[in-house]
Amino acid sequence: MKLGRATFLLMLSQVIFLASGLAVNFGLARLFGVVDYGNFGLVMSILVVVELFVITGFPEVIQKFGGERPEVMRALVRQTLWRQILYALGVFATFWLTAPAIANFFSDEALASLLRLASIDIIIYGLYKYFLGVQNGLHRFQQYTLLGITYSLARVFAIVGLVLLGFSVPGALLGNIIASAAALALALFFYRAPKPESEYPPAASGMWVVQNVIYFVGLNAFFAIDLWFVKLFLSKSEVGLYVSASVLAKLSYFLSIALSAVLLPSLARALTKNETQRVRELTQDTLRYLLIFLTLLNVLVFVHAQEIIELFFGAEFILAAPILRWLTLGLSLVTIMAVVNTIMIAHNMMRSCFVIVSALVALDIMLNLYLVPRLHMQGAALATLIVGLAGTIVSVLYIFRDLRPLLLSFSIPRILGISACVAIIAKFIAALPVDFWVKAMVAAGAYFVLLWVSKEINVVDLRRLRESIGI
């Protein structure tokens, strides 16, 4: 399959996954109200981090080494599947047994039963991601995309359907399990590995696997640690408000995955061919495009935070608007750090990424311990902002040589200057009695016109975009 078509399919799967996640959150926020929605968001935030221990180990081995040598995929599966099952069972058992202790930590005994119900998904989702990795490793991107779409749609219908039937938060958690089971069943149906030409698949070092797992767990912990401290120190209603702001602020990160999917495969090819100049150009373009997107997103959120919250979550969540502004900026910085780290991993710098994320997790915990009791929800958002800024600066320094032309050019001041102009325009039209989407389209249109007039984007950028998605 051509790279452009493969990239398009991967982007399609990611977009549908993102849309389904938003649909679930927007629907549940209106069906549950602030408190129950906060409980659901808290349980899911813990579950997501725990599940990362299961889905970033052996599934990553399958994708990496099976992708390099598809002819040994069957041998790889035979070597790792039983370990994946035992490992998932171990993580599940540990989480099940510690659920009461976690609930006690948050001073909320009702959480224990919810956490135990949610934990069933660890085994099923872990196996689904394992066989999803098999399809990716075999470069069967159509099946990979179909599996992703199946999971995303099943999650929406199962979760929202059970809640509408009156099963409340337990129903939502059960729906999450049902979606994983449906996707796993289809993944098993699709599984067909070629007969091995070699019985000796390449083995990943234990240290590589451990660093990979801890890195991705740590990276995703930045999206949860602040919420956990809000739950620890603040009221149940504030938890719900914070969850709503967090869901929207994470958009920057999830949408950046699509950008990485478009540009980073080209970076990997250039590294393999030792095309140093091409590597630097792709690295700079990746960060420049990301900055263009994130500045527009932050301008829109800064000006229209209240409208955005009310549009998606309802007037009951309107107090989350100030938090949305802080969190969007903070998670935008975390997004830049994550993309820079992806570039570092392409340069075989996983160990450095592991060290950076480990140190930042410790910093994040300390900041939340200090700031949340004093500044409440704003303190949690500020902690995320500080961590994102620190992580971005440190990560950029690691690849400063490749980014130096961009950092010393007029691109960054020009993009920031244009975004300031667009912020003034957006502020001016904010009071007009028109729909938010119209205001957003006007602001975005002005933004890209100014980028084009200033030659910050040009025909080369448009051609590269078309080539990347196979148009």
Protein backbone atom coordinates (compact mmCIF):
# COMPACT_ATOMS: atom_id res chain seq x y z
CA MET A 1 0.00 0.00 0.00
CA LYS A 2 1.29 3.49 -0.86
CA LEU A 3 2.47 5.61 2.04
CA GLY A 4 -0.08 8.35 1.29
CA ARG A 5 -3.02 5.96 1.39
CA ALA A 6 -1.70 4.23 4.50
CA THR A 7 -1.24 7.57 6.24
CA PHE A 8 -4.74 8.65 5.23
CA LEU A 9 -6.24 5.47 6.69
CA LEU A 10 -4.32 5.91 9.95
CA MET A 11 -5.48 9.53 10.16
CA LEU A 12 -9.07 8.48 9.45
CA SER A 13 -8.95 5.95 12.28
CA GLN A 14 -7.52 8.56 14.64
CA VAL A 15 -10.10 11.19 13.69
CA ILE A 16 -13.00 8.77 14.24
CA PHE A 17 -11.49 7.67 17.55
CA LEU A 18 -11.24 11.30 18.63
CA ALA A 19 -14.78 12.11 17.47
CA SER A 20 -16.21 9.08 19.27
CA GLY A 21 -14.40 9.99 22.49
CA LEU A 22 -15.77 13.50 22.33
CA ALA A 23 -19.27 12.20 21.60
CA VAL A 24 -19.10 9.95 24.67
CA ASN A 25 -17.90 12.76 26.93
CA PHE A 26 -20.34 15.38 25.64
CA GLY A 27 -23.23 12.94 25.89
CA LEU A 28 -22.38 11.71 29.38
CA ALA A 29 -21.80 15.22 30.69
CA ARG A 30 -25.37 16.14 29.79
CA LEU A 31 -26.86 12.82 30.94
CA PHE A 32 -24.96 12.58 34.23
CA GLY A 33 -24.50 16.13 35.46
CA VAL A 34 -21.33 17.51 37.04
CA VAL A 35 -20.79 15.04 39.92
CA ASP A 36 -21.44 11.71 38.18
CA TYR A 37 -19.57 12.88 35.10
CA GLY A 38 -16.63 13.71 37.34
CA ASN A 39 -16.73 10.20 38.84
CA PHE A 40 -16.73 8.63 35.38
CA GLY A 41 -13.87 10.87 34.22
CA LEU A 42 -11.80 10.09 37.30
CA VAL A 43 -12.23 6.31 36.95
CA MET A 44 -11.38 6.45 33.25
CA SER A 45 -8.30 8.60 33.89
CA ILE A 46 -6.96 5.96 36.28
CA LEU A 47 -7.91 3.09 33.98
CA VAL A 48 -6.21 4.68 30.95
CA VAL A 49 -2.91 5.05 32.79
CA VAL A 50 -3.05 1.48 34.13
CA GLU A 51 -3.91 0.08 30.70
CA LEU A 52 -0.83 1.76 29.26
CA PHE A 53 1.26 -0.75 31.17
CA VAL A 54 -0.44 -3.47 29.12
CA ILE A 55 -0.63 -1.88 25.66
CA THR A 56 2.85 -0.32 25.39
CA GLY A 57 4.92 -3.44 26.06
CA PHE A 58 4.40 -6.52 23.90
CA PRO A 59 2.07 -4.78 21.41
CA GLU A 60 4.89 -2.32 20.69
CA VAL A 61 7.33 -5.22 20.23
CA ILE A 62 4.89 -6.78 17.75
CA GLN A 63 4.56 -3.57 15.76
CA LYS A 64 8.27 -2.71 15.73
CA PHE A 65 9.89 -6.07 15.05
CA GLY A 66 6.99 -7.63 13.17
CA GLY A 67 6.89 -4.52 11.01
CA GLU A 68 10.59 -4.85 10.24
CA ARG A 69 10.28 -8.56 9.37
CA PRO A 70 6.64 -9.54 8.64
CA GLU A 71 7.70 -13.08 7.73
CA VAL A 72 8.42 -13.86 11.40
CA MET A 73 5.15 -12.47 12.73
CA ARG A 74 3.73 -15.91 13.47
CA ALA A 75 6.80 -16.82 15.50
CA LEU A 76 6.65 -13.48 17.31
CA VAL A 77 3.02 -14.09 18.25
CA ARG A 78 3.82 -17.58 19.47
CA GLN A 79 6.68 -16.16 21.54
CA THR A 80 4.82 -13.19 23.07
CA LEU A 81 1.06 -13.84 23.16
CA TRP A 82 1.10 -16.06 26.24
CA ARG A 83 3.30 -13.50 27.98
CA GLN A 84 0.87 -10.73 27.08
CA ILE A 85 -2.02 -12.73 28.55
CA LEU A 86 -0.18 -13.51 31.78
CA TYR A 87 1.05 -9.94 32.10
CA ALA A 88 -2.45 -8.51 31.53
CA LEU A 89 -3.85 -10.90 34.13
CA GLY A 90 -1.19 -9.77 36.57
CA VAL A 91 -1.94 -6.08 36.02
CA PHE A 92 -5.67 -6.78 36.31
CA ALA A 93 -5.24 -8.70 39.58
CA THR A 94 -3.03 -5.99 41.05
CA PHE A 95 -5.50 -3.25 40.11
CA TRP A 96 -8.45 -5.28 41.42
CA LEU A 97 -6.76 -5.87 44.78
CA THR A 98 -5.59 -2.27 45.19
CA ALA A 99 -8.92 -0.68 44.18
CA PRO A 100 -10.06 -0.23 47.83
CA ALA A 101 -6.72 1.40 48.68
CA ILE A 102 -7.06 3.79 45.73
CA ALA A 103 -10.61 4.63 46.81
CA ASN A 104 -9.39 5.21 50.36
CA PHE A 105 -6.62 7.49 49.05
CA PHE A 106 -9.26 9.66 47.41
CA SER A 107 -11.52 9.40 50.49
CA ASP A 108 -14.33 7.99 48.37
CA GLU A 109 -15.31 4.39 49.18
CA ALA A 110 -17.78 4.27 46.28
CA LEU A 111 -14.86 4.37 43.86
CA ALA A 112 -13.72 0.85 44.78
CA SER A 113 -16.59 -0.96 43.05
CA LEU A 114 -16.35 1.30 40.01
CA LEU A 115 -12.61 0.72 39.69
CA ARG A 116 -13.06 -3.05 39.97
CA LEU A 117 -15.73 -3.07 37.29
CA ALA A 118 -13.56 -0.90 35.03
CA SER A 119 -10.54 -3.18 35.59
CA ILE A 120 -12.12 -6.02 33.55
CA ASP A 121 -11.31 -3.96 30.47
CA ILE A 122 -7.57 -4.31 31.16
CA ILE A 123 -7.44 -7.91 29.91
CA ILE A 124 -9.80 -7.49 26.96
CA TYR A 125 -8.44 -4.14 25.78
CA GLY A 126 -4.87 -5.38 26.20
CA LEU A 127 -5.54 -8.31 23.87
CA TYR A 128 -7.36 -6.08 21.38
CA LYS A 129 -4.39 -3.71 21.22
CA TYR A 130 -2.05 -6.69 20.84
CA PHE A 131 -3.86 -8.01 17.76
CA LEU A 132 -4.30 -4.47 16.48
CA GLY A 133 -0.52 -4.23 16.64
CA VAL A 134 -0.28 -7.44 14.59
CA GLN A 135 -2.30 -5.84 11.78
CA ASN A 136 -0.14 -2.73 11.89
CA GLY A 137 3.05 -4.78 11.93
CA LEU A 138 1.88 -6.70 8.86
CA HIS A 139 1.09 -3.38 7.13
CA ARG A 140 -2.58 -4.31 6.79
CA PHE A 141 -3.73 -0.76 7.25
CA GLN A 142 -7.25 -1.32 5.94
CA GLN A 143 -7.91 -3.95 8.62
CA TYR A 144 -6.14 -1.75 11.18
CA THR A 145 -8.42 1.16 10.29
CA LEU A 146 -11.56 -0.98 10.33
CA LEU A 147 -10.67 -2.31 13.78
CA GLY A 148 -10.14 1.22 15.08
CA ILE A 149 -13.46 2.39 13.65
CA THR A 150 -15.26 -0.66 15.06
CA TYR A 151 -13.90 0.01 18.55
CA SER A 152 -14.72 3.73 18.38
CA LEU A 153 -18.32 3.28 17.20
CA ALA A 154 -19.00 0.34 19.51
CA ARG A 155 -17.80 2.46 22.41
CA VAL A 156 -20.23 5.26 21.62
CA PHE A 157 -23.26 3.01 21.17
CA ALA A 158 -22.51 0.71 24.11
CA ILE A 159 -21.69 3.43 26.64
CA VAL A 160 -24.39 5.93 25.73
CA GLY A 161 -26.92 3.15 25.13
CA LEU A 162 -26.49 1.58 28.57
CA VAL A 163 -26.62 4.98 30.26
CA LEU A 164 -29.84 5.83 28.43
CA LEU A 165 -31.25 2.52 29.69
CA GLY A 166 -30.67 3.76 33.22
CA PHE A 167 -27.44 2.01 34.23
CA SER A 168 -25.64 5.27 35.11
CA VAL A 169 -21.84 5.23 35.73
CA PRO A 170 -21.55 1.40 36.04
CA GLY A 171 -23.38 1.12 32.71
CA ALA A 172 -20.87 3.48 31.08
CA LEU A 173 -17.96 1.41 32.39
CA LEU A 174 -19.62 -1.81 31.22
CA GLY A 175 -20.15 -0.25 27.79
CA ASN A 176 -16.42 0.45 27.62
CA ILE A 177 -15.75 -3.26 28.24
CA ILE A 178 -18.30 -4.34 25.62
CA ALA A 179 -16.63 -2.12 23.01
CA SER A 180 -13.23 -3.71 23.69
CA ALA A 181 -14.77 -7.19 23.45
CA ALA A 182 -16.42 -6.39 20.10
CA ALA A 183 -13.16 -5.02 18.67
CA LEU A 184 -11.19 -8.01 20.00
CA ALA A 185 -13.61 -10.46 18.36
CA LEU A 186 -13.10 -8.75 14.99
CA ALA A 187 -9.32 -8.63 15.53
CA LEU A 188 -9.24 -12.39 16.13
CA PHE A 189 -11.31 -12.90 12.97
CA PHE A 190 -8.78 -10.84 10.97
CA TYR A 191 -5.74 -12.58 12.41
CA ARG A 192 -3.78 -14.41 9.74
CA ALA A 193 -0.02 -14.33 10.06
CA PRO A 194 2.20 -15.59 7.22
CA LYS A 195 4.03 -18.84 7.81
CA PRO A 196 7.45 -18.01 9.21
CA GLU A 197 10.52 -18.17 7.02
CA SER A 198 12.52 -18.03 10.21
CA GLU A 199 11.76 -19.49 13.61
CA TYR A 200 14.02 -16.95 15.30
CA PRO A 201 12.32 -13.58 15.46
CA PRO A 202 14.36 -10.60 16.71
CA ALA A 203 14.00 -10.13 20.44
CA ALA A 204 13.61 -6.73 22.04
CA SER A 205 15.85 -6.07 25.02
CA GLY A 206 14.12 -5.99 28.37
CA MET A 207 15.44 -2.48 28.97
CA TRP A 208 13.93 -1.24 25.68
CA VAL A 209 10.53 -2.61 26.65
CA VAL A 210 10.70 -1.21 30.20
CA GLN A 211 11.78 2.24 29.02
CA ASN A 212 9.10 2.24 26.33
CA VAL A 213 6.35 1.34 28.82
CA ILE A 214 7.42 3.84 31.47
CA TYR A 215 7.87 6.61 28.90
CA PHE A 216 4.34 6.29 27.51
CA VAL A 217 2.80 5.79 30.95
CA GLY A 218 4.59 8.91 32.17
CA LEU A 219 3.65 10.95 29.12
CA ASN A 220 -0.03 10.12 29.48
CA ALA A 221 0.13 10.67 33.24
CA PHE A 222 0.46 14.40 32.49
CA PHE A 223 -3.18 14.27 31.37
CA ALA A 224 -4.31 12.68 34.65
CA ILE A 225 -2.11 13.70 37.59
CA ASP A 226 -3.69 17.14 37.89
CA LEU A 227 -7.19 15.62 37.94
CA TRP A 228 -6.19 13.16 40.65
CA PHE A 229 -5.05 16.00 42.89
CA VAL A 230 -8.23 17.95 42.18
CA LYS A 231 -10.13 14.88 43.41
CA LEU A 232 -7.84 14.57 46.43
CA PHE A 233 -8.16 18.16 47.63
CA LEU A 234 -11.33 19.65 46.11
CA SER A 235 -15.06 18.97 45.89
CA LYS A 236 -16.87 16.45 43.68
CA SER A 237 -18.41 19.21 41.58
CA GLU A 238 -14.96 20.72 40.93
CA VAL A 239 -13.79 17.30 39.73
CA GLY A 240 -16.58 17.27 37.14
CA LEU A 241 -15.76 20.79 36.02
CA TYR A 242 -12.08 19.95 35.70
CA VAL A 243 -12.82 16.81 33.69
CA SER A 244 -14.84 18.84 31.17
CA ALA A 245 -12.02 21.36 30.67
CA SER A 246 -9.47 18.55 30.43
CA VAL A 247 -11.40 16.69 27.72
CA LEU A 248 -11.43 19.74 25.46
CA ALA A 249 -7.84 20.76 26.25
CA LYS A 250 -6.60 17.32 25.19
CA LEU A 251 -7.73 18.04 21.62
CA SER A 252 -4.35 19.60 20.86
CA TYR A 253 -2.56 16.38 21.73
CA PHE A 254 -4.88 14.00 19.90
CA LEU A 255 -4.98 16.09 16.75
CA SER A 256 -1.18 16.38 16.76
CA ILE A 257 -1.01 12.59 16.44
CA ALA A 258 -2.45 12.96 12.94
CA LEU A 259 0.21 15.55 12.11
CA SER A 260 2.93 13.22 13.35
CA ALA A 261 1.46 10.36 11.33
CA VAL A 262 1.76 12.48 8.18
CA LEU A 263 5.29 13.83 8.62
CA LEU A 264 7.26 11.41 10.79
CA PRO A 265 7.26 8.40 8.42
CA SER A 266 9.17 10.62 5.99
CA LEU A 267 11.57 11.50 8.80
CA ALA A 268 12.20 7.81 9.51
CA ARG A 269 13.01 7.17 5.84
CA ALA A 270 15.38 10.12 5.73
CA LEU A 271 17.20 8.89 8.84
CA THR A 272 17.56 5.40 7.33
CA LYS A 273 19.12 6.92 4.19
CA ASN A 274 21.36 9.28 6.23
CA GLU A 275 19.86 12.33 4.51
CA THR A 276 20.94 14.85 7.16
CA GLN A 277 19.59 17.95 5.44
CA ARG A 278 16.25 16.28 4.74
CA VAL A 279 16.00 15.23 8.40
CA ARG A 280 16.49 18.81 9.56
CA GLU A 281 13.96 20.17 7.08
CA LEU A 282 11.32 17.65 8.13
CA THR A 283 12.00 18.28 11.82
CA GLN A 284 11.64 22.02 11.39
CA ASP A 285 8.50 21.68 9.26
CA THR A 286 6.89 19.34 11.78
CA LEU A 287 7.37 21.84 14.60
CA ARG A 288 6.39 24.81 12.43
CA TYR A 289 3.11 23.21 11.34
CA LEU A 290 2.39 22.18 14.91
CA LEU A 291 3.00 25.72 16.14
CA ILE A 292 0.70 27.13 13.44
CA PHE A 293 -2.11 24.81 14.52
CA LEU A 294 -1.64 25.26 18.27
CA THR A 295 -1.52 29.05 18.19
CA LEU A 296 -4.84 29.18 16.34
CA LEU A 297 -6.39 26.71 18.80
CA ASN A 298 -5.23 28.74 21.80
CA VAL A 299 -6.52 32.00 20.31
CA LEU A 300 -9.98 30.50 19.77
CA VAL A 301 -10.07 29.02 23.28
CA PHE A 302 -8.79 32.23 24.89
CA VAL A 303 -11.52 34.33 23.28
CA HIS A 304 -14.42 31.85 23.23
CA ALA A 305 -13.82 29.58 26.26
CA GLN A 306 -17.27 30.19 27.78
CA GLU A 307 -19.06 29.60 24.48
CA ILE A 308 -17.08 26.42 23.86
CA ILE A 309 -17.84 24.96 27.29
CA GLU A 310 -21.53 25.82 27.07
CA LEU A 311 -21.79 24.50 23.50
CA PHE A 312 -20.34 21.09 24.27
CA PHE A 313 -21.14 20.52 27.95
CA GLY A 314 -24.01 22.85 28.79
CA ALA A 315 -24.44 25.86 31.06
CA GLU A 316 -23.94 23.65 34.15
CA PHE A 317 -20.21 23.48 33.34
CA ILE A 318 -19.66 27.17 32.56
CA LEU A 319 -17.35 27.66 35.58
CA ALA A 320 -14.78 25.46 33.81
CA ALA A 321 -14.13 28.17 31.18
CA PRO A 322 -11.13 29.84 32.91
CA ILE A 323 -9.57 26.43 33.55
CA LEU A 324 -9.99 25.54 29.87
CA ARG A 325 -7.80 28.51 28.88
CA TRP A 326 -4.96 27.49 31.22
CA LEU A 327 -5.19 23.81 30.41
CA THR A 328 -5.27 24.32 26.65
CA LEU A 329 -2.04 26.31 26.81
CA GLY A 330 -0.43 23.81 29.18
CA LEU A 331 -1.40 20.74 27.18
CA SER A 332 -0.35 22.49 23.97
CA LEU A 333 3.13 22.69 25.45
CA VAL A 334 2.93 19.04 26.48
CA THR A 335 1.93 18.29 22.88
CA ILE A 336 4.99 20.08 21.51
CA MET A 337 7.14 18.11 23.96
CA ALA A 338 5.52 14.84 22.88
CA VAL A 339 6.11 15.52 19.18
CA VAL A 340 9.73 16.54 19.84
CA ASN A 341 10.15 13.34 21.85
CA THR A 342 8.75 11.34 18.92
CA ILE A 343 11.43 12.92 16.74
CA MET A 344 14.02 12.01 19.39
CA ILE A 345 12.79 8.41 19.39
CA ALA A 346 13.25 8.35 15.61
CA HIS A 347 16.86 9.35 16.38
CA ASN A 348 17.14 6.35 18.77
CA MET A 349 17.01 8.58 21.86
CA MET A 350 14.40 6.61 23.82
CA ARG A 351 16.60 6.62 26.93
CA SER A 352 16.70 10.43 26.95
CA CYS A 353 12.91 10.62 26.54
CA PHE A 354 12.52 8.15 29.40
CA VAL A 355 14.71 10.30 31.68
CA ILE A 356 12.90 13.54 30.74
CA VAL A 357 9.41 12.14 31.34
CA SER A 358 10.40 10.43 34.61
CA ALA A 359 11.79 13.69 35.99
CA LEU A 360 8.75 15.67 34.82
CA VAL A 361 6.30 13.25 36.46
CA ALA A 362 8.05 13.86 39.80
CA LEU A 363 7.92 17.63 39.18
CA ASP A 364 4.23 17.43 38.25
CA ILE A 365 3.38 15.64 41.50
CA MET A 366 5.27 18.18 43.61
CA LEU A 367 3.68 21.13 41.83
CA ASN A 368 0.18 19.76 42.28
CA LEU A 369 0.82 19.01 45.94
CA TYR A 370 1.77 22.64 46.47
CA LEU A 371 -0.54 24.50 44.08
CA VAL A 372 -3.90 22.69 44.23
CA PRO A 373 -4.57 23.30 47.97
CA ARG A 374 -3.67 26.98 47.47
CA LEU A 375 -5.07 27.85 44.03
CA HIS A 376 -7.63 25.05 43.64
CA MET A 377 -8.45 24.16 40.01
CA GLN A 378 -6.27 26.99 38.71
CA GLY A 379 -3.36 25.46 40.63
CA ALA A 380 -3.77 22.11 38.88
CA ALA A 381 -3.89 23.78 35.48
CA LEU A 382 -0.87 25.94 36.35
CA ALA A 383 1.10 22.82 37.33
CA THR A 384 0.38 21.33 33.91
CA LEU A 385 1.45 24.57 32.24
CA ILE A 386 4.78 24.66 34.12
CA VAL A 387 5.50 21.00 33.37
CA GLY A 388 4.66 21.45 29.70
CA LEU A 389 6.94 24.49 29.42
CA ALA A 390 9.82 22.75 31.20
CA GLY A 391 9.42 19.61 29.08
CA THR A 392 9.31 21.59 25.83
CA ILE A 393 12.46 23.56 26.65
CA VAL A 394 14.46 20.50 27.71
CA SER A 395 13.31 18.37 24.76
CA VAL A 396 14.06 21.11 22.22
CA LEU A 397 17.58 21.47 23.64
CA TYR A 398 18.22 17.79 22.84
CA ILE A 399 17.66 18.39 19.12
CA PHE A 400 18.65 22.07 19.07
CA ARG A 401 21.07 21.51 16.20
CA ASP A 402 18.23 20.37 13.93
CA LEU A 403 15.89 23.13 15.12
CA ARG A 404 18.35 26.01 15.24
CA PRO A 405 17.41 27.46 11.81
CA LEU A 406 13.72 27.50 12.84
CA LEU A 407 14.37 28.95 16.30
CA LEU A 408 16.58 31.73 14.90
CA SER A 409 14.28 32.53 11.97
CA PHE A 410 11.38 34.97 11.80
CA SER A 411 8.82 32.12 11.62
CA ILE A 412 8.04 31.92 15.33
CA PRO A 413 7.74 35.73 15.89
CA ARG A 414 5.69 35.98 12.69
CA ILE A 415 3.27 33.21 13.73
CA LEU A 416 2.88 34.69 17.21
CA GLY A 417 2.38 38.19 15.79
CA ILE A 418 -0.28 36.98 13.38
CA SER A 419 -2.02 35.07 16.17
CA ALA A 420 -2.11 38.26 18.25
CA CYS A 421 -3.77 40.09 15.35
CA VAL A 422 -6.28 37.28 14.95
CA ALA A 423 -6.99 37.39 18.69
CA ILE A 424 -7.95 41.06 18.32
CA ILE A 425 -10.20 40.20 15.37
CA ALA A 426 -11.77 37.29 17.29
CA LYS A 427 -12.33 39.50 20.32
CA PHE A 428 -13.99 42.12 18.14
CA ILE A 429 -16.46 39.66 16.57
CA ALA A 430 -17.05 37.72 19.82
CA ALA A 431 -19.94 39.97 20.80
CA LEU A 432 -21.76 39.55 17.48
CA PRO A 433 -25.04 37.58 17.70
CA VAL A 434 -23.85 34.74 15.44
CA ASP A 435 -23.06 31.08 16.03
CA PHE A 436 -19.70 30.15 17.55
CA TRP A 437 -18.77 28.08 14.49
CA VAL A 438 -19.20 31.13 12.25
CA LYS A 439 -16.95 33.20 14.52
CA ALA A 440 -14.36 30.39 14.58
CA MET A 441 -14.38 30.06 10.78
CA VAL A 442 -13.95 33.81 10.33
CA ALA A 443 -11.03 33.88 12.78
CA ALA A 444 -9.42 30.81 11.20
CA GLY A 445 -9.89 32.26 7.72
CA ALA A 446 -8.24 35.52 8.74
CA TYR A 447 -5.40 33.56 10.35
CA PHE A 448 -4.56 31.52 7.28
CA VAL A 449 -4.94 34.49 4.93
CA LEU A 450 -2.41 36.40 7.02
CA LEU A 451 -0.09 33.38 7.06
CA TRP A 452 -0.34 33.19 3.27
CA VAL A 453 0.16 36.93 2.72
CA SER A 454 3.18 36.91 5.05
CA LYS A 455 4.53 33.86 3.14
CA GLU A 456 4.65 31.82 6.33
CA ILE A 457 2.78 29.15 4.38
CA ASN A 458 3.14 28.70 0.63
CA VAL A 459 2.48 26.34 -2.26
CA VAL A 460 5.24 24.02 -1.06
CA ASP A 461 3.40 23.48 2.22
CA LEU A 462 0.14 22.78 0.41
CA ARG A 463 1.82 20.36 -2.00
CA ARG A 464 3.48 18.51 0.87
CA LEU A 465 0.10 18.17 2.60
CA ARG A 466 -1.53 16.80 -0.56
CA GLU A 467 1.30 14.31 -1.10
CA SER A 468 1.20 13.16 2.52
CA ILE A 469 -2.49 12.21 2.38
CA GLY A 470 -2.30 10.83 -1.12
CA ILE A 471 -4.41 13.49 -2.87
